[in-house]
Amino acid sequence: MRLVAQGSGSSPSTVTLVPDPAGRLPGRGAWIHPTTECLEQAVRRRAFGRALRLATGIDLGQVRAYVDAVENEHDERESGGCGRHLPRHRRGAGDAGMETESGLDADESPMSTHQ
């Protein structure tokens, strides 16, 4: 997830850090995984100030809200709450005799052997 510093935050000595999921906002960006653990580690290490070349305080309110929303959405998908879970690979009736180690056709040779 890309983060960009924008304008002044709640005070003149603070910059607001905003998520840029499309990667199109102007300015220097910093990248982190959209997880609370990664965000907290970046805060502990003061990585945003260095990455964005900022000497002022940083308001992370919008970033925390975005990360929480992404994690909640991920948790709903994992728990099956949205009902959109389907098997990753459906086998047809003709595939019953062909079994691969992981059950996926991707276990075949990665390069074409056709000459």
Protein backbone atom coordinates (compact mmCIF):
# COMPACT_ATOMS: atom_id res chain seq x y z
CA MET A 1 0.00 0.00 0.00
CA ARG A 2 1.36 3.40 -0.97
CA LEU A 3 1.14 6.29 1.50
CA VAL A 4 1.56 9.97 0.61
CA ALA A 5 2.00 13.06 2.82
CA GLN A 6 -0.59 15.74 2.09
CA GLY A 7 -0.98 19.30 3.34
CA SER A 8 -1.10 20.19 6.98
CA GLY A 9 -2.88 18.03 9.48
CA SER A 10 -4.67 19.18 12.62
CA SER A 11 -1.88 21.64 13.44
CA PRO A 12 0.61 23.60 11.30
CA SER A 13 3.47 21.38 12.45
CA THR A 14 1.72 18.15 11.38
CA VAL A 15 1.41 16.50 7.97
CA THR A 16 -1.44 14.08 7.20
CA LEU A 17 -0.43 10.72 5.77
CA VAL A 18 -3.09 9.36 3.39
CA PRO A 19 -3.43 5.96 1.69
CA ASP A 20 -3.02 5.96 -2.08
CA PRO A 21 -4.35 2.56 -3.22
CA ALA A 22 -4.41 3.62 -6.88
CA GLY A 23 -0.83 4.92 -6.70
CA ARG A 24 -1.72 8.15 -8.48
CA LEU A 25 -1.41 10.88 -5.88
CA PRO A 26 1.44 13.32 -6.53
CA GLY A 27 4.47 13.47 -4.30
CA ARG A 28 6.91 11.17 -2.63
CA GLY A 29 5.35 7.93 -1.44
CA ALA A 30 6.17 5.32 1.17
CA TRP A 31 5.15 1.67 0.81
CA ILE A 32 4.03 -0.74 3.54
CA HIS A 33 1.91 -3.88 3.76
CA PRO A 34 -1.70 -3.01 4.66
CA THR A 35 -1.49 -4.70 8.06
CA THR A 36 -1.58 -3.29 11.59
CA GLU A 37 1.69 -5.05 12.44
CA CYS A 38 3.53 -3.47 9.52
CA LEU A 39 2.08 -0.04 10.27
CA GLU A 40 3.05 -0.22 13.95
CA GLN A 41 6.56 -1.38 13.08
CA ALA A 42 6.99 1.56 10.68
CA VAL A 43 5.79 3.95 13.41
CA ARG A 44 8.19 2.44 15.99
CA ARG A 45 11.10 2.77 13.58
CA ARG A 46 10.04 6.28 12.53
CA ALA A 47 10.24 5.09 8.94
CA PHE A 48 7.67 7.52 7.51
CA GLY A 49 9.68 10.62 8.40
CA ARG A 50 12.76 9.20 6.70
CA ALA A 51 10.98 7.75 3.67
CA LEU A 52 8.96 10.89 3.00
CA ARG A 53 11.74 13.30 4.06
CA LEU A 54 9.60 15.00 6.68
CA ALA A 55 10.82 16.89 9.73
CA THR A 56 7.31 17.56 11.08
CA GLY A 57 4.82 15.41 12.96
CA ILE A 58 2.71 12.90 11.04
CA ASP A 59 -1.05 12.34 11.47
CA LEU A 60 -1.80 8.65 10.82
CA GLY A 61 -5.58 8.74 11.42
CA GLN A 62 -6.60 8.09 7.80
CA VAL A 63 -3.98 5.36 7.37
CA ARG A 64 -5.07 3.53 10.54
CA ALA A 65 -8.72 3.67 9.43
CA TYR A 66 -7.81 2.33 5.97
CA VAL A 67 -5.69 -0.52 7.38
CA ASP A 68 -8.48 -1.47 9.81
CA ALA A 69 -10.99 -1.54 6.93
CA VAL A 70 -8.69 -3.70 4.78
CA GLU A 71 -8.08 -6.14 7.65
CA ASN A 72 -11.80 -6.36 8.46
CA GLU A 73 -12.59 -7.07 4.81
CA HIS A 74 -9.89 -9.74 4.74
CA ASP A 75 -11.25 -11.32 7.95
CA GLU A 76 -14.77 -11.47 6.49
CA ARG A 77 -13.49 -13.25 3.41
CA GLU A 78 -11.48 -15.70 5.51
CA SER A 79 -14.46 -16.55 7.72
CA GLY A 80 -16.73 -17.13 4.75
CA GLY A 81 -19.08 -14.34 5.78
CA CYS A 82 -19.55 -13.05 2.25
CA GLY A 83 -20.38 -16.46 0.76
CA ARG A 84 -18.09 -16.00 -2.24
CA HIS A 85 -15.68 -18.80 -1.43
CA LEU A 86 -15.39 -21.38 -4.17
CA PRO A 87 -12.84 -24.14 -4.57
CA ARG A 88 -9.71 -22.90 -6.31
CA HIS A 89 -9.78 -25.72 -8.84
CA ARG A 90 -12.83 -27.56 -10.06
CA ARG A 91 -12.24 -30.92 -11.61
CA GLY A 92 -14.36 -32.15 -14.45
CA ALA A 93 -15.52 -35.74 -14.83
CA GLY A 94 -12.67 -36.46 -17.25
CA ASP A 95 -10.02 -35.32 -14.76
CA ALA A 96 -10.80 -37.98 -12.15
CA GLY A 97 -7.85 -40.20 -13.10
CA MET A 98 -5.26 -37.41 -13.26
CA GLU A 99 -3.99 -36.55 -9.79
CA THR A 100 -1.13 -34.14 -9.16
CA GLU A 101 0.72 -33.58 -5.89
CA SER A 102 -1.11 -30.37 -4.94
CA GLY A 103 -4.21 -31.11 -6.95
CA LEU A 104 -3.50 -28.25 -9.36
CA ASP A 105 -2.59 -28.41 -13.01
CA ALA A 106 0.23 -25.97 -12.20
CA ASP A 107 2.37 -28.95 -11.14
CA GLU A 108 3.04 -29.63 -14.79
CA SER A 109 6.24 -28.48 -16.49
CA PRO A 110 6.52 -24.66 -16.54
CA MET A 111 8.06 -24.71 -20.01
CA SER A 112 6.40 -25.94 -23.14
CA THR A 113 7.82 -29.26 -24.34
CA HIS A 114 6.12 -28.99 -27.72
CA GLN A 115 8.69 -28.92 -30.53
